[in-house]
């Protein structure tokens, strides 16, 4: 895979790599009320690229609030509407707890915890 871009969005770094039928998005920093709207903008065009699987690597994510979680849920719906899937990997900390407590793990095609 070849990195397409790395974008700093306030306290969030977003790295997108496109591969054969899969797009990997690596997050580092905070996905919250301040960064979620710009993160959503950066990924808005991905579902229109056609059917693919999306992997969001959350290992570098230090914090995720409900705004960030909602963007991930919306992204899952958009990708799924085009026949693709979204998996979360490296899930830990606040994101893991929120997914467990809310039951939103079931929304995604897979949630793999971080191997810390």
N, C-alpha and C. Protein backbone atom coordinates (compact mmCIF):
# COMPACT_ATOMS: atom_id res chain seq x y z
N UNK A 1 0.83 -1.18 0.00
CA UNK A 1 0.00 0.00 0.00
C UNK A 1 0.87 1.24 0.00
N UNK A 2 0.37 2.26 -0.63
CA UNK A 2 1.08 3.53 -0.72
C UNK A 2 0.29 4.61 0.00
N UNK A 3 0.92 5.34 0.94
CA UNK A 3 0.18 6.42 1.60
C UNK A 3 -0.29 7.44 0.59
N UNK A 4 -1.54 7.83 0.70
CA UNK A 4 -2.10 8.83 -0.20
C UNK A 4 -1.93 10.20 0.41
N UNK A 5 -2.27 10.34 1.67
CA UNK A 5 -2.06 11.62 2.33
C UNK A 5 -2.05 11.45 3.83
N UNK A 6 -1.40 12.35 4.48
CA UNK A 6 -1.46 12.47 5.94
C UNK A 6 -1.94 13.88 6.21
N UNK A 7 -3.00 13.98 6.94
CA UNK A 7 -3.63 15.28 7.19
C UNK A 7 -3.68 15.53 8.69
N UNK A 8 -3.16 16.67 9.11
CA UNK A 8 -3.30 17.09 10.49
C UNK A 8 -4.59 17.88 10.62
N UNK A 9 -5.48 17.45 11.48
CA UNK A 9 -6.75 18.13 11.72
C UNK A 9 -6.78 18.45 13.21
N UNK A 10 -6.40 19.69 13.55
CA UNK A 10 -6.31 20.11 14.96
C UNK A 10 -5.44 19.10 15.70
N UNK A 11 -6.01 18.35 16.62
CA UNK A 11 -5.25 17.38 17.40
C UNK A 11 -5.43 15.96 16.86
N UNK A 12 -5.71 15.83 15.57
CA UNK A 12 -5.92 14.52 14.97
C UNK A 12 -5.09 14.40 13.70
N UNK A 13 -4.35 13.31 13.60
CA UNK A 13 -3.61 13.00 12.38
C UNK A 13 -4.34 11.86 11.68
N UNK A 14 -4.55 12.02 10.39
CA UNK A 14 -5.26 11.03 9.58
C UNK A 14 -4.36 10.61 8.44
N UNK A 15 -4.01 9.34 8.39
CA UNK A 15 -3.20 8.80 7.29
C UNK A 15 -4.07 7.81 6.52
N UNK A 16 -4.17 8.00 5.21
CA UNK A 16 -4.99 7.14 4.37
C UNK A 16 -4.09 6.41 3.38
N UNK A 17 -4.23 5.08 3.35
CA UNK A 17 -3.50 4.25 2.39
C UNK A 17 -4.50 3.47 1.57
N UNK A 18 -4.33 3.49 0.28
CA UNK A 18 -5.20 2.73 -0.62
C UNK A 18 -4.46 1.49 -1.10
N UNK A 19 -5.13 0.37 -1.01
CA UNK A 19 -4.57 -0.88 -1.50
C UNK A 19 -5.57 -1.53 -2.43
N UNK A 20 -5.32 -2.74 -2.80
CA UNK A 20 -6.19 -3.49 -3.69
C UNK A 20 -7.48 -3.85 -2.97
N UNK A 21 -8.55 -3.08 -3.18
CA UNK A 21 -9.84 -3.37 -2.57
C UNK A 21 -9.97 -2.99 -1.12
N UNK A 22 -8.94 -2.37 -0.55
CA UNK A 22 -9.00 -1.99 0.87
C UNK A 22 -8.38 -0.60 1.04
N UNK A 23 -8.97 0.15 1.93
CA UNK A 23 -8.43 1.45 2.31
C UNK A 23 -8.19 1.41 3.81
N UNK A 24 -6.98 1.75 4.22
CA UNK A 24 -6.63 1.78 5.65
C UNK A 24 -6.51 3.24 6.07
N UNK A 25 -7.22 3.57 7.14
CA UNK A 25 -7.17 4.92 7.71
C UNK A 25 -6.57 4.79 9.10
N UNK A 26 -5.41 5.40 9.31
CA UNK A 26 -4.75 5.37 10.62
C UNK A 26 -5.00 6.69 11.33
N UNK A 27 -5.49 6.60 12.55
CA UNK A 27 -5.79 7.78 13.34
C UNK A 27 -4.81 7.91 14.49
N UNK A 28 -4.41 9.13 14.79
CA UNK A 28 -3.57 9.41 15.95
C UNK A 28 -4.03 10.73 16.55
N UNK A 29 -4.23 10.74 17.85
CA UNK A 29 -4.66 11.95 18.53
C UNK A 29 -6.07 11.82 19.05
N UNK A 30 -6.82 12.91 18.98
CA UNK A 30 -8.17 12.98 19.53
C UNK A 30 -9.22 13.10 18.43
N UNK A 31 -10.19 12.21 18.46
CA UNK A 31 -11.35 12.28 17.57
C UNK A 31 -12.51 12.75 18.43
N UNK A 32 -12.79 14.05 18.37
CA UNK A 32 -13.76 14.64 19.28
C UNK A 32 -14.60 15.70 18.58
N UNK A 33 -15.33 16.45 19.37
CA UNK A 33 -16.23 17.49 18.85
C UNK A 33 -15.51 18.46 17.91
N UNK A 34 -14.25 18.76 18.21
CA UNK A 34 -13.50 19.72 17.39
C UNK A 34 -12.95 19.10 16.10
N UNK A 35 -12.52 17.85 16.16
CA UNK A 35 -11.87 17.23 15.00
C UNK A 35 -12.82 16.39 14.14
N UNK A 36 -13.92 15.92 14.70
CA UNK A 36 -14.83 15.03 13.98
C UNK A 36 -15.38 15.63 12.68
N UNK A 37 -15.81 16.91 12.67
CA UNK A 37 -16.34 17.45 11.41
C UNK A 37 -15.31 17.46 10.28
N UNK A 38 -14.08 17.82 10.59
CA UNK A 38 -13.07 17.85 9.51
C UNK A 38 -12.66 16.43 9.12
N UNK A 39 -12.63 15.52 10.08
CA UNK A 39 -12.35 14.12 9.76
C UNK A 39 -13.42 13.59 8.80
N UNK A 40 -14.67 13.91 9.09
CA UNK A 40 -15.78 13.49 8.24
C UNK A 40 -15.63 14.05 6.82
N UNK A 41 -15.25 15.32 6.72
CA UNK A 41 -15.03 15.95 5.41
C UNK A 41 -13.94 15.24 4.62
N UNK A 42 -12.84 14.89 5.30
CA UNK A 42 -11.70 14.25 4.63
C UNK A 42 -12.07 12.90 4.04
N UNK A 43 -13.02 12.19 4.69
CA UNK A 43 -13.36 10.85 4.24
C UNK A 43 -14.68 10.80 3.47
N UNK A 44 -15.32 11.93 3.26
CA UNK A 44 -16.64 11.98 2.63
C UNK A 44 -16.67 11.37 1.24
N UNK A 45 -15.60 11.49 0.49
CA UNK A 45 -15.57 10.99 -0.89
C UNK A 45 -15.25 9.50 -1.00
N UNK A 46 -14.78 8.88 0.07
CA UNK A 46 -14.38 7.48 -0.02
C UNK A 46 -15.50 6.54 -0.48
N UNK A 47 -16.71 6.61 0.10
CA UNK A 47 -17.75 5.67 -0.35
C UNK A 47 -18.05 5.78 -1.85
N UNK A 48 -17.90 6.95 -2.42
CA UNK A 48 -18.20 7.14 -3.85
C UNK A 48 -17.17 6.45 -4.75
N UNK A 49 -16.05 6.02 -4.19
CA UNK A 49 -15.02 5.35 -4.99
C UNK A 49 -15.43 3.95 -5.39
N UNK A 50 -16.55 3.47 -4.86
CA UNK A 50 -17.01 2.14 -5.22
C UNK A 50 -16.89 1.18 -4.06
N UNK A 51 -17.07 -0.11 -4.35
CA UNK A 51 -17.04 -1.12 -3.30
C UNK A 51 -15.61 -1.35 -2.84
N UNK A 52 -15.43 -1.29 -1.55
CA UNK A 52 -14.14 -1.57 -0.95
C UNK A 52 -14.34 -1.83 0.53
N UNK A 53 -13.34 -2.37 1.13
CA UNK A 53 -13.35 -2.55 2.57
C UNK A 53 -12.50 -1.46 3.19
N UNK A 54 -12.97 -0.92 4.28
CA UNK A 54 -12.30 0.15 4.99
C UNK A 54 -11.86 -0.37 6.35
N UNK A 55 -10.61 -0.13 6.68
CA UNK A 55 -10.07 -0.49 7.99
C UNK A 55 -9.64 0.80 8.67
N UNK A 56 -10.20 1.07 9.84
CA UNK A 56 -9.81 2.23 10.62
C UNK A 56 -8.95 1.72 11.76
N UNK A 57 -7.67 2.09 11.72
CA UNK A 57 -6.70 1.69 12.74
C UNK A 57 -6.70 2.74 13.84
N UNK A 58 -7.24 2.38 15.00
CA UNK A 58 -7.40 3.32 16.11
C UNK A 58 -6.29 3.20 17.15
N UNK A 59 -5.23 2.49 16.84
CA UNK A 59 -4.17 2.27 17.83
C UNK A 59 -3.58 3.59 18.33
N UNK A 60 -3.44 4.57 17.47
CA UNK A 60 -2.88 5.86 17.87
C UNK A 60 -3.91 6.85 18.39
N UNK A 61 -5.15 6.41 18.47
CA UNK A 61 -6.21 7.29 18.96
C UNK A 61 -6.11 7.39 20.48
N UNK A 62 -5.97 8.61 20.96
CA UNK A 62 -5.85 8.82 22.39
C UNK A 62 -7.19 9.07 23.06
N UNK A 63 -8.15 9.61 22.29
CA UNK A 63 -9.46 9.93 22.85
C UNK A 63 -10.49 9.92 21.75
N UNK A 64 -11.70 9.51 22.08
CA UNK A 64 -12.82 9.54 21.14
C UNK A 64 -14.09 9.81 21.93
N UNK A 65 -14.78 10.90 21.59
CA UNK A 65 -16.04 11.20 22.26
C UNK A 65 -17.21 10.78 21.37
N UNK A 66 -18.42 11.13 21.76
CA UNK A 66 -19.60 10.71 21.01
C UNK A 66 -19.63 11.30 19.59
N UNK A 67 -19.07 12.48 19.41
CA UNK A 67 -19.02 13.08 18.07
C UNK A 67 -18.15 12.24 17.15
N UNK A 68 -17.01 11.81 17.64
CA UNK A 68 -16.12 10.96 16.85
C UNK A 68 -16.73 9.61 16.56
N UNK A 69 -17.37 9.04 17.58
CA UNK A 69 -18.02 7.74 17.40
C UNK A 69 -19.12 7.83 16.36
N UNK A 70 -19.88 8.91 16.38
CA UNK A 70 -20.96 9.08 15.42
C UNK A 70 -20.42 9.16 13.99
N UNK A 71 -19.30 9.83 13.79
CA UNK A 71 -18.70 9.91 12.45
C UNK A 71 -18.32 8.50 11.98
N UNK A 72 -17.78 7.68 12.86
CA UNK A 72 -17.42 6.31 12.49
C UNK A 72 -18.67 5.50 12.12
N UNK A 73 -19.75 5.68 12.87
CA UNK A 73 -21.01 4.98 12.57
C UNK A 73 -21.55 5.43 11.21
N UNK A 74 -21.53 6.73 10.95
CA UNK A 74 -21.99 7.25 9.66
C UNK A 74 -21.14 6.72 8.51
N UNK A 75 -19.84 6.63 8.74
CA UNK A 75 -18.93 6.10 7.73
C UNK A 75 -19.24 4.63 7.45
N UNK A 76 -19.51 3.86 8.49
CA UNK A 76 -19.90 2.45 8.33
C UNK A 76 -21.14 2.36 7.45
N UNK A 77 -22.13 3.19 7.71
CA UNK A 77 -23.36 3.16 6.93
C UNK A 77 -23.11 3.52 5.47
N UNK A 78 -22.29 4.54 5.24
CA UNK A 78 -22.00 4.98 3.88
C UNK A 78 -21.25 3.91 3.09
N UNK A 79 -20.26 3.31 3.70
CA UNK A 79 -19.49 2.26 3.04
C UNK A 79 -20.36 1.03 2.80
N UNK A 80 -21.17 0.69 3.79
CA UNK A 80 -22.07 -0.45 3.67
C UNK A 80 -23.10 -0.27 2.56
N UNK A 81 -23.55 0.97 2.36
CA UNK A 81 -24.53 1.25 1.31
C UNK A 81 -23.95 1.01 -0.08
N UNK A 82 -22.62 1.02 -0.19
CA UNK A 82 -21.96 0.76 -1.46
C UNK A 82 -21.42 -0.68 -1.53
N UNK A 83 -21.88 -1.53 -0.59
CA UNK A 83 -21.50 -2.94 -0.60
C UNK A 83 -20.19 -3.24 0.07
N UNK A 84 -19.58 -2.27 0.71
CA UNK A 84 -18.31 -2.50 1.39
C UNK A 84 -18.51 -2.74 2.88
N UNK A 85 -17.40 -2.76 3.60
CA UNK A 85 -17.46 -2.99 5.03
C UNK A 85 -16.45 -2.12 5.75
N UNK A 86 -16.64 -1.95 7.04
CA UNK A 86 -15.73 -1.16 7.86
C UNK A 86 -15.36 -1.96 9.09
N UNK A 87 -14.05 -2.11 9.30
CA UNK A 87 -13.54 -2.77 10.51
C UNK A 87 -12.72 -1.77 11.30
N UNK A 88 -12.81 -1.87 12.60
CA UNK A 88 -11.98 -1.08 13.50
C UNK A 88 -10.91 -1.98 14.07
N UNK A 89 -9.66 -1.55 14.03
CA UNK A 89 -8.57 -2.33 14.62
C UNK A 89 -7.83 -1.45 15.63
N UNK A 90 -7.09 -2.09 16.51
CA UNK A 90 -6.31 -1.35 17.50
C UNK A 90 -7.18 -0.60 18.49
N UNK A 91 -8.38 -1.10 18.72
CA UNK A 91 -9.34 -0.42 19.60
C UNK A 91 -8.91 -0.59 21.06
N UNK A 92 -8.83 0.53 21.78
CA UNK A 92 -8.41 0.52 23.18
C UNK A 92 -8.97 1.75 23.89
N UNK A 93 -8.73 1.82 25.17
CA UNK A 93 -9.07 3.00 25.96
C UNK A 93 -10.53 3.39 25.90
N UNK A 94 -10.77 4.69 25.77
CA UNK A 94 -12.12 5.24 25.79
C UNK A 94 -12.97 4.66 24.65
N UNK A 95 -12.41 4.54 23.47
CA UNK A 95 -13.18 4.00 22.35
C UNK A 95 -13.65 2.58 22.64
N UNK A 96 -12.79 1.76 23.18
CA UNK A 96 -13.17 0.38 23.50
C UNK A 96 -14.29 0.35 24.53
N UNK A 97 -14.13 1.17 25.55
CA UNK A 97 -15.14 1.22 26.62
C UNK A 97 -16.49 1.69 26.07
N UNK A 98 -16.49 2.73 25.27
CA UNK A 98 -17.74 3.26 24.72
C UNK A 98 -18.41 2.23 23.80
N UNK A 99 -17.63 1.56 22.99
CA UNK A 99 -18.20 0.53 22.11
C UNK A 99 -18.80 -0.61 22.93
N UNK A 100 -18.13 -0.99 24.02
CA UNK A 100 -18.64 -2.06 24.88
C UNK A 100 -19.93 -1.65 25.59
N UNK A 101 -19.92 -0.46 26.18
CA UNK A 101 -21.05 0.00 26.98
C UNK A 101 -22.29 0.26 26.13
N UNK A 102 -22.10 0.86 24.96
CA UNK A 102 -23.24 1.21 24.11
C UNK A 102 -23.74 0.07 23.24
N UNK A 103 -22.94 -0.96 23.09
CA UNK A 103 -23.30 -2.06 22.19
C UNK A 103 -23.08 -1.73 20.73
N UNK A 104 -22.40 -0.62 20.45
CA UNK A 104 -22.18 -0.20 19.07
C UNK A 104 -21.14 -1.05 18.33
N UNK A 105 -20.49 -1.95 19.05
CA UNK A 105 -19.55 -2.87 18.38
C UNK A 105 -20.25 -3.61 17.25
N UNK A 106 -21.51 -3.93 17.47
CA UNK A 106 -22.28 -4.72 16.51
C UNK A 106 -22.54 -3.96 15.20
N UNK A 107 -22.41 -2.64 15.21
CA UNK A 107 -22.65 -1.83 14.02
C UNK A 107 -21.56 -2.07 12.98
N UNK A 108 -20.36 -2.34 13.44
CA UNK A 108 -19.20 -2.46 12.55
C UNK A 108 -19.02 -3.92 12.11
N UNK A 109 -18.32 -4.10 10.99
CA UNK A 109 -18.09 -5.43 10.45
C UNK A 109 -17.04 -6.20 11.24
N UNK A 110 -16.36 -5.54 12.13
CA UNK A 110 -15.38 -6.17 12.99
C UNK A 110 -14.74 -5.13 13.89
N UNK A 111 -14.49 -5.52 15.13
CA UNK A 111 -13.80 -4.64 16.08
C UNK A 111 -12.72 -5.49 16.74
N UNK A 112 -11.46 -5.15 16.43
CA UNK A 112 -10.33 -5.89 16.99
C UNK A 112 -9.62 -5.03 18.04
N UNK A 113 -9.52 -5.54 19.26
CA UNK A 113 -8.84 -4.76 20.30
C UNK A 113 -7.34 -4.66 20.04
N UNK A 114 -6.77 -3.62 20.63
CA UNK A 114 -5.32 -3.44 20.54
C UNK A 114 -4.62 -4.55 21.31
N UNK A 115 -3.50 -4.97 20.80
CA UNK A 115 -2.67 -5.97 21.48
C UNK A 115 -1.60 -5.24 22.26
N UNK A 116 -1.96 -4.72 23.43
CA UNK A 116 -1.04 -3.93 24.24
C UNK A 116 -0.21 -4.79 25.14
